[in-house]
Amino acid sequence: MTGPDPAALKFDENGLIVAIAQDAAAGTVLMVAYMDREALAHTVETGEAHFWSRSRKSLWKKGETSGNLLRVESIQADCDGDALLLSVRPAGPACHTGNRSCFAEPAILLDQLQATITDRKATRPAGSYTAQLFDGGRPAILRKLGEEAIEVLVAADHESDDALVHEVADLWYHAMVLLEERGINSGAVLRELADRRG
C-alpha cells in the first residue's frame, strides 16, 4: 500500500497529525486518533493501523491486544495536508468499550436505520410497522419483500423516476428487516459489495 507523501503533510508542533479511521464499506467513522511519522510508516508498511498514543507516549498497533485490528485499504490526506483519512476493514469493534465505533450515536443514515430496525426487533413497540413485521415472523417479512420487489419492477417499467426511487427504498428497507430477522447486520452486504469491487 502507498500512503501520502509525509513531506507534504503538516504535522503539528508535537509531530502528530489527526487520523480518522472510516469503515471502507459502510462509511462509518470508527475512531479518531493521532499518527506520527513512524506510525504512518508502519501503517503503510504493514497494512494495519498504527497510531501514536498521547497518554502512553508510544507507538501502538490498533488491536494488538484485543485482536480488533484495523486493516487499512487506503490513506488519503485532506486538502490542507493536516489530517488523514484511513479507509479500513475492521476486524471487530473499533472502540475500547466494545462498540463498533467510538461515537455512540449512529451518524450515517444506514447505521441509523439499522439501529432503529434492531431496536424494533428487541422492543416491539405498539404501533410500529417494523415491529408488526417481526411479529409476523419470516413468512410475513418474505411476503412483504416479494411484494416490494414486484412494485420495483412495475415502477421501473411504467412509472416515474420518483416512483421508482420510492419503491427501491421500500425494497431496501424490507431487505434490511429480513437480514435483521436472520441476525445479519446490513453492513455485511456492503462488505460483500466491497469485496466484489476488489
N, C-alpha and C. Protein backbone atom coordinates (compact mmCIF):
# COMPACT_ATOMS: atom_id res chain seq x y z
N MET A 1 0.84 -1.17 0.00
CA MET A 1 0.00 0.00 0.00
C MET A 1 0.89 1.24 0.00
N THR A 2 0.41 2.26 -0.67
CA THR A 2 1.11 3.53 -0.64
C THR A 2 0.30 4.51 0.19
N GLY A 3 0.98 5.44 0.77
CA GLY A 3 0.32 6.47 1.55
C GLY A 3 0.70 7.83 1.03
N PRO A 4 0.17 8.87 1.66
CA PRO A 4 0.54 10.22 1.23
C PRO A 4 2.01 10.49 1.52
N ASP A 5 2.59 11.39 0.77
CA ASP A 5 3.98 11.77 0.96
C ASP A 5 4.11 12.50 2.29
N PRO A 6 4.85 11.94 3.26
CA PRO A 6 4.99 12.61 4.56
C PRO A 6 5.51 14.04 4.46
N ALA A 7 6.30 14.32 3.44
CA ALA A 7 6.84 15.66 3.28
C ALA A 7 5.75 16.67 2.94
N ALA A 8 4.64 16.19 2.39
CA ALA A 8 3.54 17.08 2.02
C ALA A 8 2.53 17.25 3.16
N LEU A 9 2.75 16.57 4.29
CA LEU A 9 1.81 16.62 5.41
C LEU A 9 2.24 17.68 6.42
N LYS A 10 1.26 18.22 7.12
CA LYS A 10 1.51 19.23 8.15
C LYS A 10 1.32 18.59 9.53
N PHE A 11 2.39 18.05 10.07
CA PHE A 11 2.36 17.52 11.42
C PHE A 11 2.39 18.70 12.39
N ASP A 12 1.73 18.58 13.54
CA ASP A 12 1.70 19.69 14.49
C ASP A 12 3.02 19.84 15.23
N GLU A 13 3.06 20.75 16.19
CA GLU A 13 4.30 21.03 16.92
C GLU A 13 4.81 19.84 17.72
N ASN A 14 3.93 18.85 17.97
CA ASN A 14 4.34 17.62 18.66
C ASN A 14 4.69 16.50 17.67
N GLY A 15 4.67 16.82 16.38
CA GLY A 15 4.98 15.83 15.36
C GLY A 15 3.82 14.89 15.08
N LEU A 16 2.58 15.34 15.36
CA LEU A 16 1.40 14.49 15.20
C LEU A 16 0.46 15.05 14.15
N ILE A 17 -0.34 14.14 13.60
CA ILE A 17 -1.39 14.51 12.64
C ILE A 17 -2.63 13.70 12.99
N VAL A 18 -3.81 14.33 12.88
CA VAL A 18 -5.07 13.66 13.15
C VAL A 18 -5.29 12.57 12.11
N ALA A 19 -5.75 11.39 12.58
CA ALA A 19 -6.04 10.27 11.68
C ALA A 19 -7.44 9.75 11.98
N ILE A 20 -8.30 9.79 10.98
CA ILE A 20 -9.68 9.35 11.11
C ILE A 20 -9.80 7.98 10.45
N ALA A 21 -10.29 6.99 11.21
CA ALA A 21 -10.49 5.65 10.65
C ALA A 21 -11.96 5.50 10.28
N GLN A 22 -12.21 5.20 9.01
CA GLN A 22 -13.56 5.09 8.48
C GLN A 22 -13.75 3.70 7.86
N ASP A 23 -14.86 3.05 8.18
CA ASP A 23 -15.16 1.74 7.61
C ASP A 23 -15.23 1.89 6.09
N ALA A 24 -14.39 1.16 5.39
CA ALA A 24 -14.29 1.29 3.93
C ALA A 24 -15.58 0.89 3.22
N ALA A 25 -16.34 -0.04 3.79
CA ALA A 25 -17.56 -0.49 3.14
C ALA A 25 -18.76 0.38 3.51
N ALA A 26 -18.96 0.64 4.79
CA ALA A 26 -20.18 1.31 5.25
C ALA A 26 -20.03 2.83 5.34
N GLY A 27 -18.81 3.33 5.44
CA GLY A 27 -18.61 4.76 5.57
C GLY A 27 -18.68 5.27 7.00
N THR A 28 -18.91 4.39 7.96
CA THR A 28 -19.00 4.78 9.36
C THR A 28 -17.64 5.24 9.88
N VAL A 29 -17.61 6.39 10.55
CA VAL A 29 -16.39 6.82 11.21
C VAL A 29 -16.25 5.97 12.47
N LEU A 30 -15.15 5.24 12.57
CA LEU A 30 -14.95 4.31 13.67
C LEU A 30 -14.21 4.94 14.84
N MET A 31 -13.19 5.73 14.55
CA MET A 31 -12.39 6.34 15.61
C MET A 31 -11.55 7.46 15.05
N VAL A 32 -11.06 8.29 15.96
CA VAL A 32 -10.12 9.35 15.63
C VAL A 32 -8.92 9.18 16.56
N ALA A 33 -7.74 9.22 15.99
CA ALA A 33 -6.52 9.08 16.79
C ALA A 33 -5.45 9.98 16.16
N TYR A 34 -4.22 9.79 16.58
CA TYR A 34 -3.11 10.58 16.04
C TYR A 34 -2.03 9.66 15.51
N MET A 35 -1.33 10.15 14.52
CA MET A 35 -0.19 9.44 13.96
C MET A 35 1.01 10.37 14.00
N ASP A 36 2.17 9.77 14.22
CA ASP A 36 3.41 10.49 13.96
C ASP A 36 3.99 9.88 12.68
N ARG A 37 5.15 10.29 12.27
CA ARG A 37 5.73 9.77 11.03
C ARG A 37 5.97 8.26 11.11
N GLU A 38 6.40 7.80 12.28
CA GLU A 38 6.67 6.37 12.45
C GLU A 38 5.38 5.55 12.35
N ALA A 39 4.31 6.02 12.98
CA ALA A 39 3.03 5.31 12.91
C ALA A 39 2.54 5.24 11.48
N LEU A 40 2.66 6.34 10.75
CA LEU A 40 2.26 6.35 9.35
C LEU A 40 3.10 5.36 8.55
N ALA A 41 4.39 5.35 8.78
CA ALA A 41 5.28 4.43 8.05
C ALA A 41 4.92 2.98 8.35
N HIS A 42 4.69 2.65 9.63
CA HIS A 42 4.31 1.27 9.99
C HIS A 42 2.97 0.88 9.36
N THR A 43 2.05 1.83 9.33
CA THR A 43 0.74 1.55 8.74
C THR A 43 0.88 1.25 7.25
N VAL A 44 1.62 2.06 6.55
CA VAL A 44 1.83 1.85 5.12
C VAL A 44 2.56 0.53 4.88
N GLU A 45 3.54 0.24 5.70
CA GLU A 45 4.36 -0.98 5.53
C GLU A 45 3.57 -2.26 5.80
N THR A 46 2.74 -2.26 6.85
CA THR A 46 2.06 -3.49 7.28
C THR A 46 0.63 -3.61 6.79
N GLY A 47 0.01 -2.48 6.43
CA GLY A 47 -1.40 -2.51 6.06
C GLY A 47 -2.33 -2.58 7.27
N GLU A 48 -1.78 -2.44 8.46
CA GLU A 48 -2.58 -2.44 9.69
C GLU A 48 -2.35 -1.11 10.40
N ALA A 49 -3.43 -0.55 10.95
CA ALA A 49 -3.36 0.79 11.53
C ALA A 49 -2.47 0.83 12.77
N HIS A 50 -1.56 1.78 12.76
CA HIS A 50 -0.70 2.10 13.90
C HIS A 50 -0.93 3.57 14.24
N PHE A 51 -0.91 3.88 15.51
CA PHE A 51 -1.13 5.25 15.95
C PHE A 51 -0.10 5.63 17.01
N TRP A 52 -0.11 6.92 17.36
CA TRP A 52 0.72 7.40 18.46
C TRP A 52 -0.20 7.66 19.65
N SER A 53 0.09 7.00 20.76
CA SER A 53 -0.68 7.20 21.98
C SER A 53 -0.15 8.42 22.71
N ARG A 54 -0.97 9.44 22.83
CA ARG A 54 -0.54 10.65 23.54
C ARG A 54 -0.45 10.40 25.05
N SER A 55 -1.30 9.50 25.57
CA SER A 55 -1.26 9.23 27.01
C SER A 55 -0.06 8.36 27.39
N ARG A 56 0.23 7.34 26.58
CA ARG A 56 1.37 6.45 26.88
C ARG A 56 2.66 6.95 26.26
N LYS A 57 2.52 7.93 25.36
CA LYS A 57 3.68 8.47 24.64
C LYS A 57 4.47 7.37 23.94
N SER A 58 3.70 6.55 23.20
CA SER A 58 4.36 5.46 22.48
C SER A 58 3.53 5.06 21.26
N LEU A 59 4.19 4.38 20.35
CA LEU A 59 3.55 3.82 19.17
C LEU A 59 2.68 2.65 19.59
N TRP A 60 1.49 2.51 19.00
CA TRP A 60 0.67 1.34 19.29
C TRP A 60 -0.05 0.87 18.03
N LYS A 61 -0.16 -0.42 17.94
CA LYS A 61 -0.86 -1.05 16.82
C LYS A 61 -2.29 -1.30 17.27
N LYS A 62 -3.26 -0.75 16.57
CA LYS A 62 -4.66 -0.92 16.93
C LYS A 62 -5.02 -2.40 16.90
N GLY A 63 -5.54 -2.88 18.03
CA GLY A 63 -5.97 -4.27 18.12
C GLY A 63 -4.88 -5.25 18.50
N GLU A 64 -3.71 -4.75 18.86
CA GLU A 64 -2.60 -5.63 19.19
C GLU A 64 -2.94 -6.58 20.34
N THR A 65 -3.67 -6.09 21.34
CA THR A 65 -4.04 -6.97 22.46
C THR A 65 -5.44 -7.53 22.30
N SER A 66 -6.37 -6.76 21.74
CA SER A 66 -7.76 -7.22 21.63
C SER A 66 -8.01 -8.10 20.41
N GLY A 67 -7.15 -7.97 19.41
CA GLY A 67 -7.38 -8.68 18.15
C GLY A 67 -8.27 -7.90 17.19
N ASN A 68 -8.79 -6.75 17.63
CA ASN A 68 -9.67 -5.93 16.80
C ASN A 68 -8.85 -4.99 15.92
N LEU A 69 -8.16 -5.59 14.98
CA LEU A 69 -7.28 -4.84 14.08
C LEU A 69 -8.08 -3.99 13.11
N LEU A 70 -7.42 -2.96 12.60
CA LEU A 70 -7.98 -2.17 11.51
C LEU A 70 -7.08 -2.40 10.31
N ARG A 71 -7.58 -3.14 9.32
CA ARG A 71 -6.82 -3.37 8.10
C ARG A 71 -7.04 -2.19 7.16
N VAL A 72 -5.98 -1.55 6.78
CA VAL A 72 -6.07 -0.29 6.03
C VAL A 72 -6.04 -0.56 4.54
N GLU A 73 -7.06 -0.08 3.85
CA GLU A 73 -7.12 -0.22 2.39
C GLU A 73 -6.49 0.97 1.68
N SER A 74 -6.69 2.16 2.26
CA SER A 74 -6.10 3.35 1.64
C SER A 74 -5.96 4.44 2.69
N ILE A 75 -5.05 5.36 2.41
CA ILE A 75 -4.84 6.53 3.26
C ILE A 75 -4.81 7.74 2.34
N GLN A 76 -5.57 8.75 2.70
CA GLN A 76 -5.50 9.99 1.94
C GLN A 76 -5.44 11.17 2.89
N ALA A 77 -4.74 12.19 2.47
CA ALA A 77 -4.66 13.43 3.23
C ALA A 77 -5.77 14.36 2.78
N ASP A 78 -6.20 15.22 3.69
CA ASP A 78 -7.19 16.21 3.30
C ASP A 78 -6.53 17.30 2.45
N CYS A 79 -7.32 18.25 2.00
CA CYS A 79 -6.83 19.27 1.06
C CYS A 79 -5.73 20.14 1.66
N ASP A 80 -5.71 20.28 2.98
CA ASP A 80 -4.68 21.10 3.63
C ASP A 80 -3.47 20.29 4.08
N GLY A 81 -3.57 18.97 4.01
CA GLY A 81 -2.47 18.12 4.43
C GLY A 81 -2.29 18.05 5.94
N ASP A 82 -3.35 18.41 6.69
CA ASP A 82 -3.21 18.38 8.15
C ASP A 82 -4.12 17.35 8.84
N ALA A 83 -4.68 16.44 8.05
CA ALA A 83 -5.48 15.35 8.59
C ALA A 83 -5.44 14.19 7.61
N LEU A 84 -5.56 12.98 8.15
CA LEU A 84 -5.54 11.77 7.32
C LEU A 84 -6.86 11.03 7.46
N LEU A 85 -7.28 10.42 6.36
CA LEU A 85 -8.46 9.56 6.36
C LEU A 85 -7.99 8.15 5.99
N LEU A 86 -8.20 7.22 6.93
CA LEU A 86 -7.84 5.82 6.69
C LEU A 86 -9.11 5.06 6.37
N SER A 87 -9.19 4.48 5.19
CA SER A 87 -10.30 3.59 4.83
C SER A 87 -9.91 2.20 5.30
N VAL A 88 -10.69 1.65 6.24
CA VAL A 88 -10.29 0.42 6.91
C VAL A 88 -11.36 -0.65 6.86
N ARG A 89 -10.90 -1.87 7.07
CA ARG A 89 -11.80 -3.01 7.29
C ARG A 89 -11.57 -3.45 8.73
N PRO A 90 -12.54 -3.18 9.59
CA PRO A 90 -12.35 -3.54 11.00
C PRO A 90 -12.52 -5.03 11.23
N ALA A 91 -11.67 -5.58 12.08
CA ALA A 91 -11.80 -6.99 12.49
C ALA A 91 -12.34 -6.99 13.91
N GLY A 92 -13.57 -6.54 14.05
CA GLY A 92 -14.18 -6.43 15.37
C GLY A 92 -14.44 -4.98 15.72
N PRO A 93 -14.92 -4.73 16.94
CA PRO A 93 -15.23 -3.37 17.36
C PRO A 93 -13.98 -2.49 17.37
N ALA A 94 -14.16 -1.23 16.97
CA ALA A 94 -13.04 -0.30 16.97
C ALA A 94 -12.85 0.37 18.33
N CYS A 95 -13.92 0.47 19.10
CA CYS A 95 -13.86 1.19 20.38
C CYS A 95 -13.47 0.27 21.52
N HIS A 96 -12.72 0.81 22.48
CA HIS A 96 -12.30 0.02 23.64
C HIS A 96 -13.49 -0.41 24.51
N THR A 97 -14.67 0.24 24.31
CA THR A 97 -15.86 -0.12 25.08
C THR A 97 -16.55 -1.36 24.51
N GLY A 98 -16.09 -1.80 23.36
CA GLY A 98 -16.73 -2.93 22.69
C GLY A 98 -17.74 -2.51 21.65
N ASN A 99 -17.94 -1.20 21.48
CA ASN A 99 -18.84 -0.71 20.45
C ASN A 99 -18.13 -0.67 19.10
N ARG A 100 -18.92 -0.75 18.05
CA ARG A 100 -18.37 -0.72 16.70
C ARG A 100 -17.57 0.55 16.45
N SER A 101 -18.09 1.68 16.95
CA SER A 101 -17.48 2.98 16.74
C SER A 101 -17.26 3.67 18.08
N CYS A 102 -16.29 4.56 18.14
CA CYS A 102 -16.07 5.36 19.35
C CYS A 102 -17.14 6.44 19.50
N PHE A 103 -17.94 6.65 18.47
CA PHE A 103 -19.02 7.62 18.52
C PHE A 103 -20.31 6.88 18.81
N ALA A 104 -20.95 7.21 19.94
CA ALA A 104 -22.06 6.42 20.46
C ALA A 104 -23.28 6.39 19.56
N GLU A 105 -23.62 7.52 18.98
CA GLU A 105 -24.83 7.60 18.16
C GLU A 105 -24.50 7.36 16.69
N PRO A 106 -25.33 6.56 16.01
CA PRO A 106 -25.11 6.36 14.57
C PRO A 106 -25.19 7.70 13.84
N ALA A 107 -24.22 7.96 12.98
CA ALA A 107 -24.15 9.25 12.30
C ALA A 107 -24.57 9.18 10.84
N ILE A 108 -24.46 8.02 10.22
CA ILE A 108 -24.85 7.93 8.81
C ILE A 108 -26.20 7.22 8.72
N LEU A 109 -26.92 7.49 7.66
CA LEU A 109 -28.29 7.00 7.51
C LEU A 109 -28.39 5.49 7.65
N LEU A 110 -27.49 4.76 7.01
CA LEU A 110 -27.56 3.30 7.08
C LEU A 110 -27.44 2.81 8.52
N ASP A 111 -26.51 3.38 9.28
CA ASP A 111 -26.36 2.97 10.68
C ASP A 111 -27.58 3.36 11.50
N GLN A 112 -28.16 4.54 11.22
CA GLN A 112 -29.35 4.97 11.95
C GLN A 112 -30.52 4.03 11.67
N LEU A 113 -30.70 3.68 10.42
CA LEU A 113 -31.78 2.77 10.05
C LEU A 113 -31.56 1.39 10.65
N GLN A 114 -30.33 0.90 10.61
CA GLN A 114 -30.01 -0.39 11.21
C GLN A 114 -30.31 -0.37 12.71
N ALA A 115 -29.94 0.70 13.39
CA ALA A 115 -30.19 0.81 14.83
C ALA A 115 -31.68 0.80 15.13
N THR A 116 -32.47 1.48 14.31
CA THR A 116 -33.92 1.52 14.52
C THR A 116 -34.53 0.13 14.31
N ILE A 117 -34.12 -0.55 13.25
CA ILE A 117 -34.65 -1.88 12.97
C ILE A 117 -34.28 -2.84 14.09
N THR A 118 -33.03 -2.78 14.55
CA THR A 118 -32.58 -3.64 15.66
C THR A 118 -33.38 -3.36 16.91
N ASP A 119 -33.62 -2.07 17.20
CA ASP A 119 -34.41 -1.69 18.37
C ASP A 119 -35.84 -2.21 18.26
N ARG A 120 -36.44 -2.06 17.09
CA ARG A 120 -37.84 -2.51 16.92
C ARG A 120 -37.96 -4.02 17.09
N LYS A 121 -36.95 -4.75 16.66
CA LYS A 121 -36.98 -6.19 16.84
C LYS A 121 -36.92 -6.55 18.32
N ALA A 122 -36.12 -5.81 19.08
CA ALA A 122 -35.94 -6.11 20.50
C ALA A 122 -37.10 -5.62 21.35
N THR A 123 -37.62 -4.41 21.07
CA THR A 123 -38.61 -3.80 21.97
C THR A 123 -40.05 -3.98 21.52
N ARG A 124 -40.28 -4.18 20.25
CA ARG A 124 -41.62 -4.36 19.67
C ARG A 124 -42.63 -3.33 20.16
N PRO A 125 -42.37 -2.04 19.97
CA PRO A 125 -43.30 -1.03 20.45
C PRO A 125 -44.64 -1.09 19.71
N ALA A 126 -45.69 -0.81 20.44
CA ALA A 126 -47.04 -0.81 19.86
C ALA A 126 -47.11 0.23 18.75
N GLY A 127 -47.77 -0.13 17.66
CA GLY A 127 -47.96 0.79 16.55
C GLY A 127 -46.80 0.85 15.58
N SER A 128 -45.71 0.13 15.84
CA SER A 128 -44.56 0.15 14.95
C SER A 128 -44.77 -0.83 13.80
N TYR A 129 -44.67 -0.32 12.57
CA TYR A 129 -44.79 -1.18 11.39
C TYR A 129 -43.70 -2.25 11.39
N THR A 130 -42.49 -1.84 11.74
CA THR A 130 -41.37 -2.79 11.75
C THR A 130 -41.61 -3.88 12.79
N ALA A 131 -42.10 -3.51 13.96
CA ALA A 131 -42.41 -4.50 14.99
C ALA A 131 -43.48 -5.47 14.49
N GLN A 132 -44.46 -4.96 13.76
CA GLN A 132 -45.50 -5.83 13.20
C GLN A 132 -44.90 -6.85 12.23
N LEU A 133 -43.94 -6.41 11.44
CA LEU A 133 -43.28 -7.35 10.53
C LEU A 133 -42.58 -8.46 11.32
N PHE A 134 -41.84 -8.08 12.38
CA PHE A 134 -41.16 -9.07 13.19
C PHE A 134 -42.17 -9.99 13.89
N ASP A 135 -43.29 -9.42 14.34
CA ASP A 135 -44.33 -10.24 14.98
C ASP A 135 -44.88 -11.28 14.01
N GLY A 136 -44.95 -10.93 12.72
CA GLY A 136 -45.45 -11.86 11.72
C GLY A 136 -44.45 -12.95 11.35
N GLY A 137 -43.22 -12.77 11.77
CA GLY A 137 -42.19 -13.77 11.51
C GLY A 137 -41.67 -13.71 10.08
N ARG A 138 -40.79 -14.65 9.78
CA ARG A 138 -40.16 -14.67 8.46
C ARG A 138 -41.16 -14.76 7.31
N PRO A 139 -42.23 -15.57 7.43
CA PRO A 139 -43.18 -15.62 6.30
C PRO A 139 -43.76 -14.25 5.95
N ALA A 140 -44.10 -13.45 6.97
CA ALA A 140 -44.66 -12.12 6.71
C ALA A 140 -43.62 -11.20 6.08
N ILE A 141 -42.38 -11.29 6.55
CA ILE A 141 -41.32 -10.46 6.01
C ILE A 141 -41.04 -10.84 4.56
N LEU A 142 -40.99 -12.15 4.29
CA LEU A 142 -40.73 -12.61 2.92
C LEU A 142 -41.85 -12.20 1.97
N ARG A 143 -43.09 -12.31 2.45
CA ARG A 143 -44.24 -11.92 1.62
C ARG A 143 -44.15 -10.43 1.26
N LYS A 144 -43.84 -9.60 2.26
CA LYS A 144 -43.75 -8.16 2.02
C LYS A 144 -42.56 -7.84 1.11
N LEU A 145 -41.46 -8.52 1.29
CA LEU A 145 -40.29 -8.30 0.44
C LEU A 145 -40.61 -8.66 -1.02
N GLY A 146 -41.35 -9.75 -1.21
CA GLY A 146 -41.78 -10.14 -2.55
C GLY A 146 -42.67 -9.10 -3.19
N GLU A 147 -43.61 -8.57 -2.41
CA GLU A 147 -44.49 -7.52 -2.92
C GLU A 147 -43.68 -6.29 -3.35
N GLU A 148 -42.71 -5.93 -2.52
CA GLU A 148 -41.91 -4.75 -2.84
C GLU A 148 -41.06 -4.97 -4.09
N ALA A 149 -40.56 -6.18 -4.28
CA ALA A 149 -39.78 -6.48 -5.48
C ALA A 149 -40.64 -6.33 -6.74
N ILE A 150 -41.87 -6.80 -6.66
CA ILE A 150 -42.78 -6.66 -7.80
C ILE A 150 -43.08 -5.19 -8.06
N GLU A 151 -43.28 -4.41 -6.99
CA GLU A 151 -43.57 -2.99 -7.14
C GLU A 151 -42.39 -2.24 -7.78
N VAL A 152 -41.17 -2.68 -7.49
CA VAL A 152 -39.99 -2.09 -8.15
C VAL A 152 -40.04 -2.37 -9.64
N LEU A 153 -40.36 -3.60 -10.02
CA LEU A 153 -40.43 -3.95 -11.43
C LEU A 153 -41.50 -3.15 -12.16
N VAL A 154 -42.66 -3.01 -11.54
CA VAL A 154 -43.75 -2.24 -12.16
C VAL A 154 -43.36 -0.78 -12.30
N ALA A 155 -42.79 -0.22 -11.24
CA ALA A 155 -42.39 1.19 -11.29
C ALA A 155 -41.32 1.41 -12.35
N ALA A 156 -40.39 0.48 -12.48
CA ALA A 156 -39.31 0.63 -13.46
C ALA A 156 -39.85 0.63 -14.88
N ASP A 157 -40.92 -0.10 -15.09
CA ASP A 157 -41.45 -0.24 -16.44
C ASP A 157 -42.54 0.76 -16.78
N HIS A 158 -43.28 1.23 -15.77
CA HIS A 158 -44.48 2.02 -16.09
C HIS A 158 -44.61 3.34 -15.33
N GLU A 159 -43.73 3.65 -14.40
CA GLU A 159 -43.96 4.82 -13.56
C GLU A 159 -42.79 5.81 -13.63
N SER A 160 -42.93 6.89 -12.91
CA SER A 160 -41.94 7.97 -12.91
C SER A 160 -40.66 7.56 -12.18
N ASP A 161 -39.62 8.34 -12.39
CA ASP A 161 -38.38 8.12 -11.67
C ASP A 161 -38.57 8.23 -10.16
N ASP A 162 -39.38 9.21 -9.73
CA ASP A 162 -39.66 9.37 -8.31
C ASP A 162 -40.35 8.14 -7.74
N ALA A 163 -41.28 7.57 -8.48
CA ALA A 163 -41.98 6.37 -8.02
C ALA A 163 -41.00 5.20 -7.91
N LEU A 164 -40.09 5.10 -8.87
CA LEU A 164 -39.10 4.02 -8.83
C LEU A 164 -38.19 4.18 -7.61
N VAL A 165 -37.74 5.40 -7.35
CA VAL A 165 -36.89 5.64 -6.17
C VAL A 165 -37.64 5.25 -4.90
N HIS A 166 -38.91 5.63 -4.81
CA HIS A 166 -39.74 5.30 -3.64
C HIS A 166 -39.82 3.78 -3.45
N GLU A 167 -40.05 3.07 -4.52
CA GLU A 167 -40.21 1.61 -4.43
C GLU A 167 -38.89 0.91 -4.11
N VAL A 168 -37.78 1.40 -4.67
CA VAL A 168 -36.48 0.81 -4.34
C VAL A 168 -36.16 1.05 -2.86
N ALA A 169 -36.51 2.23 -2.34
CA ALA A 169 -36.31 2.50 -0.91
C ALA A 169 -37.10 1.49 -0.07
N ASP A 170 -38.34 1.22 -0.45
CA ASP A 170 -39.14 0.22 0.26
C ASP A 170 -38.49 -1.16 0.20
N LEU A 171 -37.99 -1.52 -0.97
CA LEU A 171 -37.35 -2.82 -1.14
C LEU A 171 -36.11 -2.94 -0.26
N TRP A 172 -35.27 -1.92 -0.27
CA TRP A 172 -34.05 -1.95 0.56
C TRP A 172 -34.41 -2.06 2.03
N TYR A 173 -35.40 -1.27 2.46
CA TYR A 173 -35.81 -1.30 3.87
C TYR A 173 -36.26 -2.71 4.27
N HIS A 174 -37.12 -3.30 3.48
CA HIS A 174 -37.64 -4.63 3.81
C HIS A 174 -36.54 -5.69 3.74
N ALA A 175 -35.58 -5.51 2.86
CA ALA A 175 -34.43 -6.43 2.82
C ALA A 175 -33.62 -6.30 4.11
N MET A 176 -33.48 -5.09 4.64
CA MET A 176 -32.78 -4.90 5.90
C MET A 176 -33.52 -5.57 7.06
N VAL A 177 -34.84 -5.50 7.02
CA VAL A 177 -35.65 -6.18 8.05
C VAL A 177 -35.42 -7.69 7.98
N LEU A 178 -35.40 -8.24 6.77
CA LEU A 178 -35.14 -9.67 6.61
C LEU A 178 -33.76 -10.05 7.14
N LEU A 179 -32.74 -9.25 6.80
CA LEU A 179 -31.40 -9.52 7.31
C LEU A 179 -31.39 -9.52 8.84
N GLU A 180 -32.04 -8.53 9.45
CA GLU A 180 -32.09 -8.45 10.91
C GLU A 180 -32.82 -9.67 11.49
N GLU A 181 -33.87 -10.10 10.83
CA GLU A 181 -34.60 -11.29 11.30
C GLU A 181 -33.69 -12.51 11.31
N ARG A 182 -32.78 -12.55 10.35
CA ARG A 182 -31.82 -13.65 10.26
C ARG A 182 -30.60 -13.44 11.15
N GLY A 183 -30.52 -12.28 11.82
CA GLY A 183 -29.38 -11.99 12.68
C GLY A 183 -28.16 -11.49 11.92
N ILE A 184 -28.39 -10.91 10.75
CA ILE A 184 -27.31 -10.41 9.91
C ILE A 184 -27.38 -8.89 9.85
N ASN A 185 -26.28 -8.22 10.14
CA ASN A 185 -26.22 -6.77 10.04
C ASN A 185 -26.11 -6.39 8.57
N SER A 186 -26.80 -5.32 8.18
CA SER A 186 -26.78 -4.91 6.78
C SER A 186 -25.39 -4.54 6.29
N GLY A 187 -24.49 -4.21 7.22
CA GLY A 187 -23.11 -3.92 6.84
C GLY A 187 -22.44 -5.10 6.14
N ALA A 188 -22.93 -6.32 6.41
CA ALA A 188 -22.36 -7.49 5.75
C ALA A 188 -22.58 -7.43 4.23
N VAL A 189 -23.71 -6.87 3.81
CA VAL A 189 -23.98 -6.73 2.38
C VAL A 189 -23.01 -5.73 1.76
N LEU A 190 -22.77 -4.62 2.47
CA LEU A 190 -21.82 -3.63 1.96
C LEU A 190 -20.42 -4.20 1.87
N ARG A 191 -20.04 -5.02 2.86
CA ARG A 191 -18.71 -5.64 2.80
C ARG A 191 -18.62 -6.61 1.63
N GLU A 192 -19.71 -7.33 1.34
CA GLU A 192 -19.72 -8.24 0.19
C GLU A 192 -19.55 -7.44 -1.11
N LEU A 193 -20.26 -6.31 -1.22
CA LEU A 193 -20.12 -5.48 -2.41
C LEU A 193 -18.70 -4.92 -2.51
N ALA A 194 -18.12 -4.53 -1.38
CA ALA A 194 -16.74 -4.03 -1.39
C ALA A 194 -15.77 -5.12 -1.84
N ASP A 195 -16.01 -6.36 -1.37
CA ASP A 195 -15.15 -7.48 -1.81
C ASP A 195 -15.26 -7.70 -3.30
N ARG A 196 -16.47 -7.61 -3.83
CA ARG A 196 -16.66 -7.82 -5.26
C ARG A 196 -15.99 -6.72 -6.08
N ARG A 197 -15.99 -5.51 -5.54
CA ARG A 197 -15.36 -4.40 -6.23
C ARG A 197 -13.85 -4.58 -6.26
N GLY A 198 -13.33 -5.30 -5.26
CA GLY A 198 -11.89 -5.58 -5.25
C GLY A 198 -11.17 -4.55 -4.44
